[in-house]
Amino acid sequence: FKEGAEMFQRMLDFFCHNLSVEIDFNIIKP
């Protein structure tokens, strides 16, 4: 969900600098 993508991105930005994998978010809805 949109809120999940925003939350996970913030966590990745904080904990996971220079990720070797490319992360793409696909926003889903209920």
Full PDB file with SEQRES, HELIX, SHEET, SSBOND, CRYST1, ORIGX, SCALE, CONECT and MASTER records, all heavy atoms in Angstrom:
SEQRES   1 A   30  PHE LYS GLU GLY ALA GLU MET PHE GLN ARG MET LEU ASP          
SEQRES   2 A   30  PHE PHE CYS HIS ASN LEU SER VAL GLU ILE ASP PHE ASN          
SEQRES   3 A   30  ILE ILE LYS PRO                                              
HELIX    1 AA1 LYS A    2  PHE A   15  1                                  14    
CRYST1    1.000    1.000    1.000  90.00  90.00  90.00 P 1           1          
ORIGX1      1.000000  0.000000  0.000000        0.00000                         
ORIGX2      0.000000  1.000000  0.000000        0.00000                         
ORIGX3      0.000000  0.000000  1.000000        0.00000                         
SCALE1      1.000000  0.000000  0.000000        0.00000                         
SCALE2      0.000000  1.000000  0.000000        0.00000                         
SCALE3      0.000000  0.000000  1.000000        0.00000                         
ATOM      1  N   PHE A   1       0.835  -1.197   0.000  1.00  0.00           N  
ATOM      2  CA  PHE A   1       0.000   0.000   0.000  1.00  0.00           C  
ATOM      3  C   PHE A   1       0.875   1.254   0.000  1.00  0.00           C  
ATOM      4  O   PHE A   1       2.064   1.200   0.317  1.00  0.00           O  
ATOM      5  CB  PHE A   1      -0.912  -0.007   1.232  1.00  0.00           C  
ATOM      6  CG  PHE A   1      -1.907  -1.135   1.231  1.00  0.00           C  
ATOM      7  CD1 PHE A   1      -1.648  -2.305   1.942  1.00  0.00           C  
ATOM      8  CD2 PHE A   1      -3.085  -1.041   0.507  1.00  0.00           C  
ATOM      9  CE1 PHE A   1      -2.560  -3.357   1.941  1.00  0.00           C  
ATOM     10  CE2 PHE A   1      -4.000  -2.085   0.500  1.00  0.00           C  
ATOM     11  CZ  PHE A   1      -3.738  -3.247   1.208  1.00  0.00           C  
ATOM     12  N   LYS A   2       0.280   2.371  -0.356  1.00  0.00           N  
ATOM     13  CA  LYS A   2       1.013   3.637  -0.457  1.00  0.00           C  
ATOM     14  C   LYS A   2       1.731   3.951   0.846  1.00  0.00           C  
ATOM     15  O   LYS A   2       2.895   4.348   0.845  1.00  0.00           O  
ATOM     16  CB  LYS A   2       0.046   4.762  -0.826  1.00  0.00           C  
ATOM     17  CG  LYS A   2       0.695   6.130  -0.976  1.00  0.00           C  
ATOM     18  CD  LYS A   2      -0.344   7.153  -1.449  1.00  0.00           C  
ATOM     19  CE  LYS A   2       0.292   8.525  -1.656  1.00  0.00           C  
ATOM     20  NZ  LYS A   2       0.718   9.140  -0.377  1.00  0.00           N  
ATOM     21  N   GLU A   3       1.038   3.781   1.976  1.00  0.00           N  
ATOM     22  CA  GLU A   3       1.658   4.074   3.270  1.00  0.00           C  
ATOM     23  C   GLU A   3       2.838   3.145   3.530  1.00  0.00           C  
ATOM     24  O   GLU A   3       3.845   3.553   4.124  1.00  0.00           O  
ATOM     25  CB  GLU A   3       0.619   3.926   4.392  1.00  0.00           C  
ATOM     26  CG  GLU A   3      -0.542   4.902   4.323  1.00  0.00           C  
ATOM     27  CD  GLU A   3      -1.636   4.463   3.355  1.00  0.00           C  
ATOM     28  OE1 GLU A   3      -1.498   3.388   2.715  1.00  0.00           O  
ATOM     29  OE2 GLU A   3      -2.635   5.189   3.247  1.00  0.00           O  
ATOM     30  N   GLY A   4       2.739   1.907   3.081  1.00  0.00           N  
ATOM     31  CA  GLY A   4       3.840   0.969   3.252  1.00  0.00           C  
ATOM     32  C   GLY A   4       5.050   1.359   2.430  1.00  0.00           C  
ATOM     33  O   GLY A   4       6.190   1.304   2.901  1.00  0.00           O  
ATOM     34  N   ALA A   5       4.820   1.761   1.178  1.00  0.00           N  
ATOM     35  CA  ALA A   5       5.937   2.179   0.328  1.00  0.00           C  
ATOM     36  C   ALA A   5       6.675   3.360   0.944  1.00  0.00           C  
ATOM     37  O   ALA A   5       7.918   3.408   0.955  1.00  0.00           O  
ATOM     38  CB  ALA A   5       5.421   2.534  -1.063  1.00  0.00           C  
ATOM     39  N   GLU A   6       5.929   4.316   1.474  1.00  0.00           N  
ATOM     40  CA  GLU A   6       6.555   5.494   2.088  1.00  0.00           C  
ATOM     41  C   GLU A   6       7.347   5.098   3.325  1.00  0.00           C  
ATOM     42  O   GLU A   6       8.478   5.572   3.538  1.00  0.00           O  
ATOM     43  CB  GLU A   6       5.478   6.516   2.426  1.00  0.00           C  
ATOM     44  CG  GLU A   6       4.781   7.102   1.195  1.00  0.00           C  
ATOM     45  CD  GLU A   6       3.565   7.943   1.545  1.00  0.00           C  
ATOM     46  OE1 GLU A   6       3.147   7.907   2.729  1.00  0.00           O  
ATOM     47  OE2 GLU A   6       3.025   8.619   0.637  1.00  0.00           O  
ATOM     48  N   MET A   7       6.774   4.228   4.159  1.00  0.00           N  
ATOM     49  CA  MET A   7       7.442   3.807   5.389  1.00  0.00           C  
ATOM     50  C   MET A   7       8.692   2.982   5.081  1.00  0.00           C  
ATOM     51  O   MET A   7       9.770   3.235   5.644  1.00  0.00           O  
ATOM     52  CB  MET A   7       6.476   2.987   6.243  1.00  0.00           C  
ATOM     53  CG  MET A   7       7.110   2.376   7.490  1.00  0.00           C  
ATOM     54  SD  MET A   7       5.924   1.394   8.426  1.00  0.00           S  
ATOM     55  CE  MET A   7       5.577   0.071   7.255  1.00  0.00           C  
ATOM     56  N   PHE A   8       8.581   2.012   4.192  1.00  0.00           N  
ATOM     57  CA  PHE A   8       9.737   1.164   3.871  1.00  0.00           C  
ATOM     58  C   PHE A   8      10.848   1.976   3.213  1.00  0.00           C  
ATOM     59  O   PHE A   8      12.031   1.720   3.463  1.00  0.00           O  
ATOM     60  CB  PHE A   8       9.315   0.016   2.958  1.00  0.00           C  
ATOM     61  CG  PHE A   8       8.336  -0.937   3.586  1.00  0.00           C  
ATOM     62  CD1 PHE A   8       7.228  -1.379   2.880  1.00  0.00           C  
ATOM     63  CD2 PHE A   8       8.528  -1.398   4.887  1.00  0.00           C  
ATOM     64  CE1 PHE A   8       6.320  -2.255   3.454  1.00  0.00           C  
ATOM     65  CE2 PHE A   8       7.618  -2.277   5.467  1.00  0.00           C  
ATOM     66  CZ  PHE A   8       6.512  -2.704   4.742  1.00  0.00           C  
ATOM     67  N   GLN A   9      10.487   2.940   2.388  1.00  0.00           N  
ATOM     68  CA  GLN A   9      11.513   3.766   1.743  1.00  0.00           C  
ATOM     69  C   GLN A   9      12.293   4.569   2.768  1.00  0.00           C  
ATOM     70  O   GLN A   9      13.533   4.673   2.681  1.00  0.00           O  
ATOM     71  CB  GLN A   9      10.883   4.696   0.710  1.00  0.00           C  
ATOM     72  CG  GLN A   9      11.900   5.462  -0.126  1.00  0.00           C  
ATOM     73  CD  GLN A   9      12.793   4.545  -0.924  1.00  0.00           C  
ATOM     74  OE1 GLN A   9      12.341   3.834  -1.820  1.00  0.00           O  
ATOM     75  NE2 GLN A   9      14.096   4.521  -0.610  1.00  0.00           N  
ATOM     76  N   ARG A  10      11.587   5.121   3.756  1.00  0.00           N  
ATOM     77  CA  ARG A  10      12.296   5.865   4.811  1.00  0.00           C  
ATOM     78  C   ARG A  10      13.250   4.954   5.573  1.00  0.00           C  
ATOM     79  O   ARG A  10      14.383   5.342   5.903  1.00  0.00           O  
ATOM     80  CB  ARG A  10      11.288   6.502   5.767  1.00  0.00           C  
ATOM     81  CG  ARG A  10      10.512   7.674   5.182  1.00  0.00           C  
ATOM     82  CD  ARG A  10       9.838   8.500   6.273  1.00  0.00           C  
ATOM     83  NE  ARG A  10       8.878   7.703   7.030  1.00  0.00           N  
ATOM     84  CZ  ARG A  10       7.589   7.577   6.724  1.00  0.00           C  
ATOM     85  NH1 ARG A  10       7.110   8.172   5.630  1.00  0.00           N  
ATOM     86  NH2 ARG A  10       6.780   6.869   7.475  1.00  0.00           N  
ATOM     87  N   MET A  11      12.804   3.734   5.864  1.00  0.00           N  
ATOM     88  CA  MET A  11      13.647   2.802   6.601  1.00  0.00           C  
ATOM     89  C   MET A  11      14.854   2.375   5.767  1.00  0.00           C  
ATOM     90  O   MET A  11      15.976   2.261   6.279  1.00  0.00           O  
ATOM     91  CB  MET A  11      12.818   1.585   7.023  1.00  0.00           C  
ATOM     92  CG  MET A  11      11.693   1.918   7.994  1.00  0.00           C  
ATOM     93  SD  MET A  11      10.621   0.499   8.351  1.00  0.00           S  
ATOM     94  CE  MET A  11      11.700  -0.495   9.373  1.00  0.00           C  
ATOM     95  N   LEU A  12      14.637   2.148   4.483  1.00  0.00           N  
ATOM     96  CA  LEU A  12      15.745   1.795   3.607  1.00  0.00           C  
ATOM     97  C   LEU A  12      16.748   2.942   3.494  1.00  0.00           C  
ATOM     98  O   LEU A  12      17.968   2.720   3.495  1.00  0.00           O  
ATOM     99  CB  LEU A  12      15.220   1.410   2.226  1.00  0.00           C  
ATOM    100  CG  LEU A  12      14.462   0.082   2.135  1.00  0.00           C  
ATOM    101  CD1 LEU A  12      13.791  -0.072   0.772  1.00  0.00           C  
ATOM    102  CD2 LEU A  12      15.392  -1.100   2.396  1.00  0.00           C  
ATOM    103  N   ASP A  13      16.241   4.157   3.394  1.00  0.00           N  
ATOM    104  CA  ASP A  13      17.125   5.320   3.307  1.00  0.00           C  
ATOM    105  C   ASP A  13      17.985   5.448   4.560  1.00  0.00           C  
ATOM    106  O   ASP A  13      19.155   5.877   4.490  1.00  0.00           O  
ATOM    107  CB  ASP A  13      16.301   6.596   3.123  1.00  0.00           C  
ATOM    108  CG  ASP A  13      15.656   6.685   1.752  1.00  0.00           C  
ATOM    109  OD1 ASP A  13      16.092   5.960   0.837  1.00  0.00           O  
ATOM    110  OD2 ASP A  13      14.704   7.481   1.601  1.00  0.00           O  
ATOM    111  N   PHE A  14      17.421   5.078   5.711  1.00  0.00           N  
ATOM    112  CA  PHE A  14      18.143   5.224   6.976  1.00  0.00           C  
ATOM    113  C   PHE A  14      19.126   4.074   7.205  1.00  0.00           C  
ATOM    114  O   PHE A  14      20.270   4.289   7.608  1.00  0.00           O  
ATOM    115  CB  PHE A  14      17.153   5.293   8.139  1.00  0.00           C  
ATOM    116  CG  PHE A  14      17.792   5.617   9.457  1.00  0.00           C  
ATOM    117  CD1 PHE A  14      18.037   6.935   9.829  1.00  0.00           C  
ATOM    118  CD2 PHE A  14      18.169   4.602  10.330  1.00  0.00           C  
ATOM    119  CE1 PHE A  14      18.639   7.229  11.052  1.00  0.00           C  
ATOM    120  CE2 PHE A  14      18.775   4.884  11.546  1.00  0.00           C  
ATOM    121  CZ  PHE A  14      19.006   6.214  11.905  1.00  0.00           C  
ATOM    122  N   PHE A  15      18.686   2.833   6.955  1.00  0.00           N  
ATOM    123  CA  PHE A  15      19.483   1.666   7.317  1.00  0.00           C  
ATOM    124  C   PHE A  15      20.305   1.079   6.175  1.00  0.00           C  
ATOM    125  O   PHE A  15      21.291   0.380   6.430  1.00  0.00           O  
ATOM    126  CB  PHE A  15      18.564   0.559   7.862  1.00  0.00           C  
ATOM    127  CG  PHE A  15      17.965   0.849   9.207  1.00  0.00           C  
ATOM    128  CD1 PHE A  15      16.630   1.166   9.333  1.00  0.00           C  
ATOM    129  CD2 PHE A  15      18.750   0.814  10.351  1.00  0.00           C  
ATOM    130  CE1 PHE A  15      16.072   1.431  10.569  1.00  0.00           C  
ATOM    131  CE2 PHE A  15      18.211   1.072  11.598  1.00  0.00           C  
ATOM    132  CZ  PHE A  15      16.854   1.387  11.709  1.00  0.00           C  
ATOM    133  N   CYS A  16      19.893   1.309   4.948  1.00  0.00           N  
ATOM    134  CA  CYS A  16      20.473   0.555   3.823  1.00  0.00           C  
ATOM    135  C   CYS A  16      21.017   1.488   2.759  1.00  0.00           C  
ATOM    136  O   CYS A  16      20.391   1.680   1.697  1.00  0.00           O  
ATOM    137  CB  CYS A  16      19.423  -0.381   3.218  1.00  0.00           C  
ATOM    138  SG  CYS A  16      18.636  -1.468   4.415  1.00  0.00           S  
ATOM    139  N   HIS A  17      22.160   2.074   3.009  1.00  0.00           N  
ATOM    140  CA  HIS A  17      22.775   2.959   2.022  1.00  0.00           C  
ATOM    141  C   HIS A  17      23.408   2.131   0.896  1.00  0.00           C  
ATOM    142  O   HIS A  17      23.948   1.055   1.121  1.00  0.00           O  
ATOM    143  CB  HIS A  17      23.843   3.828   2.694  1.00  0.00           C  
ATOM    144  CG  HIS A  17      23.304   4.675   3.805  1.00  0.00           C  
ATOM    145  ND1 HIS A  17      22.474   5.746   3.588  1.00  0.00           N  
ATOM    146  CD2 HIS A  17      23.463   4.589   5.149  1.00  0.00           C  
ATOM    147  CE1 HIS A  17      22.161   6.295   4.747  1.00  0.00           C  
ATOM    148  NE2 HIS A  17      22.750   5.610   5.718  1.00  0.00           N  
ATOM    149  N   ASN A  18      23.334   2.645  -0.297  1.00  0.00           N  
ATOM    150  CA  ASN A  18      23.984   2.025  -1.457  1.00  0.00           C  
ATOM    151  C   ASN A  18      23.557   0.567  -1.659  1.00  0.00           C  
ATOM    152  O   ASN A  18      24.383  -0.352  -1.759  1.00  0.00           O  
ATOM    153  CB  ASN A  18      25.503   2.097  -1.307  1.00  0.00           C  
ATOM    154  CG  ASN A  18      26.004   3.520  -1.174  1.00  0.00           C  
ATOM    155  OD1 ASN A  18      25.550   4.405  -1.911  1.00  0.00           O  
ATOM    156  ND2 ASN A  18      26.914   3.748  -0.245  1.00  0.00           N  
ATOM    157  N   LEU A  19      22.253   0.369  -1.703  1.00  0.00           N  
ATOM    158  CA  LEU A  19      21.734  -0.966  -1.955  1.00  0.00           C  
ATOM    159  C   LEU A  19      22.235  -1.486  -3.302  1.00  0.00           C  
ATOM    160  O   LEU A  19      22.241  -0.759  -4.289  1.00  0.00           O  
ATOM    161  CB  LEU A  19      20.204  -0.950  -1.967  1.00  0.00           C  
ATOM    162  CG  LEU A  19      19.478  -0.989  -0.619  1.00  0.00           C  
ATOM    163  CD1 LEU A  19      17.978  -0.781  -0.838  1.00  0.00           C  
ATOM    164  CD2 LEU A  19      19.728  -2.300   0.105  1.00  0.00           C  
ATOM    165  N   SER A  20      22.627  -2.754  -3.336  1.00  0.00           N  
ATOM    166  CA  SER A  20      23.063  -3.346  -4.595  1.00  0.00           C  
ATOM    167  C   SER A  20      21.885  -3.833  -5.430  1.00  0.00           C  
ATOM    168  O   SER A  20      22.027  -4.087  -6.624  1.00  0.00           O  
ATOM    169  CB  SER A  20      24.018  -4.519  -4.331  1.00  0.00           C  
ATOM    170  OG  SER A  20      23.352  -5.562  -3.641  1.00  0.00           O  
ATOM    171  N   VAL A  21      20.726  -3.981  -4.790  1.00  0.00           N  
ATOM    172  CA  VAL A  21      19.523  -4.381  -5.515  1.00  0.00           C  
ATOM    173  C   VAL A  21      18.674  -3.138  -5.788  1.00  0.00           C  
ATOM    174  O   VAL A  21      18.657  -2.198  -5.005  1.00  0.00           O  
ATOM    175  CB  VAL A  21      18.701  -5.414  -4.724  1.00  0.00           C  
ATOM    176  CG1 VAL A  21      19.417  -6.735  -4.661  1.00  0.00           C  
ATOM    177  CG2 VAL A  21      18.363  -4.914  -3.330  1.00  0.00           C  
ATOM    178  N   GLU A  22      18.018  -3.145  -6.923  1.00  0.00           N  
ATOM    179  CA  GLU A  22      17.113  -2.048  -7.264  1.00  0.00           C  
ATOM    180  C   GLU A  22      15.735  -2.351  -6.682  1.00  0.00           C  
ATOM    181  O   GLU A  22      15.171  -3.422  -6.918  1.00  0.00           O  
ATOM    182  CB  GLU A  22      17.012  -1.905  -8.779  1.00  0.00           C  
ATOM    183  CG  GLU A  22      16.034  -0.824  -9.226  1.00  0.00           C  
ATOM    184  CD  GLU A  22      15.839  -0.813 -10.722  1.00  0.00           C  
ATOM    185  OE1 GLU A  22      16.588  -1.525 -11.431  1.00  0.00           O  
ATOM    186  OE2 GLU A  22      14.915  -0.096 -11.182  1.00  0.00           O  
ATOM    187  N   ILE A  23      15.204  -1.417  -5.911  1.00  0.00           N  
ATOM    188  CA  ILE A  23      13.902  -1.599  -5.265  1.00  0.00           C  
ATOM    189  C   ILE A  23      12.855  -0.764  -5.992  1.00  0.00           C  
ATOM    190  O   ILE A  23      13.024   0.442  -6.182  1.00  0.00           O  
ATOM    191  CB  ILE A  23      13.932  -1.200  -3.776  1.00  0.00           C  
ATOM    192  CG1 ILE A  23      15.013  -1.986  -3.030  1.00  0.00           C  
ATOM    193  CG2 ILE A  23      12.563  -1.427  -3.144  1.00  0.00           C  
ATOM    194  CD1 ILE A  23      14.831  -3.469  -3.043  1.00  0.00           C  
ATOM    195  N   ASP A  24      11.800  -1.440  -6.392  1.00  0.00           N  
ATOM    196  CA  ASP A  24      10.684  -0.761  -7.055  1.00  0.00           C  
ATOM    197  C   ASP A  24       9.424  -1.042  -6.254  1.00  0.00           C  
ATOM    198  O   ASP A  24       9.197  -2.180  -5.840  1.00  0.00           O  
ATOM    199  CB  ASP A  24      10.537  -1.273  -8.490  1.00  0.00           C  
ATOM    200  CG  ASP A  24       9.411  -0.573  -9.235  1.00  0.00           C  
ATOM    201  OD1 ASP A  24       9.255   0.645  -9.074  1.00  0.00           O  
ATOM    202  OD2 ASP A  24       8.670  -1.260  -9.969  1.00  0.00           O  
ATOM    203  N   PHE A  25       8.622  -0.008  -6.028  1.00  0.00           N  
ATOM    204  CA  PHE A  25       7.372  -0.179  -5.292  1.00  0.00           C  
ATOM    205  C   PHE A  25       6.197  -0.150  -6.261  1.00  0.00           C  
ATOM    206  O   PHE A  25       6.084   0.767  -7.087  1.00  0.00           O  
ATOM    207  CB  PHE A  25       7.192   0.925  -4.242  1.00  0.00           C  
ATOM    208  CG  PHE A  25       8.127   0.800  -3.068  1.00  0.00           C  
ATOM    209  CD1 PHE A  25       9.263   1.599  -2.981  1.00  0.00           C  
ATOM    210  CD2 PHE A  25       7.871  -0.112  -2.056  1.00  0.00           C  
ATOM    211  CE1 PHE A  25      10.126   1.494  -1.913  1.00  0.00           C  
ATOM    212  CE2 PHE A  25       8.732  -0.232  -0.979  1.00  0.00           C  
ATOM    213  CZ  PHE A  25       9.860   0.575  -0.902  1.00  0.00           C  
ATOM    214  N   ASN A  26       5.354  -1.149  -6.164  1.00  0.00           N  
ATOM    215  CA  ASN A  26       4.096  -1.163  -6.904  1.00  0.00           C  
ATOM    216  C   ASN A  26       2.971  -0.939  -5.912  1.00  0.00           C  
ATOM    217  O   ASN A  26       2.755  -1.764  -5.010  1.00  0.00           O  
ATOM    218  CB  ASN A  26       3.912  -2.502  -7.629  1.00  0.00           C  
ATOM    219  CG  ASN A  26       2.587  -2.551  -8.380  1.00  0.00           C  
ATOM    220  OD1 ASN A  26       2.160  -1.555  -8.950  1.00  0.00           O  
ATOM    221  ND2 ASN A  26       1.935  -3.697  -8.364  1.00  0.00           N  
ATOM    222  N   ILE A  27       2.264   0.166  -6.037  1.00  0.00           N  
ATOM    223  CA  ILE A  27       1.234   0.540  -5.075  1.00  0.00           C  
ATOM    224  C   ILE A  27      -0.042  -0.247  -5.349  1.00  0.00           C  
ATOM    225  O   ILE A  27      -0.570  -0.233  -6.464  1.00  0.00           O  
ATOM    226  CB  ILE A  27       0.947   2.054  -5.125  1.00  0.00           C  
ATOM    227  CG1 ILE A  27       2.247   2.843  -4.925  1.00  0.00           C  
ATOM    228  CG2 ILE A  27      -0.092   2.431  -4.080  1.00  0.00           C  
ATOM    229  CD1 ILE A  27       2.979   2.534  -3.648  1.00  0.00           C  
ATOM    230  N   ILE A  28      -0.516  -0.932  -4.315  1.00  0.00           N  
ATOM    231  CA  ILE A  28      -1.749  -1.694  -4.432  1.00  0.00           C  
ATOM    232  C   ILE A  28      -2.844  -1.046  -3.600  1.00  0.00           C  
ATOM    233  O   ILE A  28      -2.570  -0.196  -2.738  1.00  0.00           O  
ATOM    234  CB  ILE A  28      -1.555  -3.164  -4.000  1.00  0.00           C  
ATOM    235  CG1 ILE A  28      -1.166  -3.237  -2.515  1.00  0.00           C  
ATOM    236  CG2 ILE A  28      -0.490  -3.832  -4.865  1.00  0.00           C  
ATOM    237  CD1 ILE A  28      -1.056  -4.669  -1.986  1.00  0.00           C  
ATOM    238  N   LYS A  29      -4.064  -1.435  -3.847  1.00  0.00           N  
ATOM    239  CA  LYS A  29      -5.222  -0.915  -3.115  1.00  0.00           C  
ATOM    240  C   LYS A  29      -6.082  -2.089  -2.661  1.00  0.00           C  
ATOM    241  O   LYS A  29      -5.989  -3.181  -3.227  1.00  0.00           O  
ATOM    242  CB  LYS A  29      -6.033   0.023  -4.009  1.00  0.00           C  
ATOM    243  CG  LYS A  29      -5.275   1.252  -4.487  1.00  0.00           C  
ATOM    244  CD  LYS A  29      -6.144   2.108  -5.414  1.00  0.00           C  
ATOM    245  CE  LYS A  29      -5.383   3.322  -5.910  1.00  0.00           C  
ATOM    246  NZ  LYS A  29      -6.197   4.159  -6.836  1.00  0.00           N  
ATOM    247  N   PRO A  30      -6.942  -1.879  -1.667  1.00  0.00           N  
ATOM    248  CA  PRO A  30      -7.820  -2.964  -1.215  1.00  0.00           C  
ATOM    249  C   PRO A  30      -8.974  -3.170  -2.195  1.00  0.00           C  
ATOM    250  O   PRO A  30     -10.119  -2.804  -1.940  1.00  0.00           O  
ATOM    251  CB  PRO A  30      -8.307  -2.472   0.150  1.00  0.00           C  
ATOM    252  CG  PRO A  30      -8.240  -0.993   0.066  1.00  0.00           C  
ATOM    253  CD  PRO A  30      -7.063  -0.676  -0.817  1.00  0.00           C  
TER     254      PRO A  30                                                      
MASTER        0    0    0    1    0    0    0    6  253    1    0    3          
END                                                                             
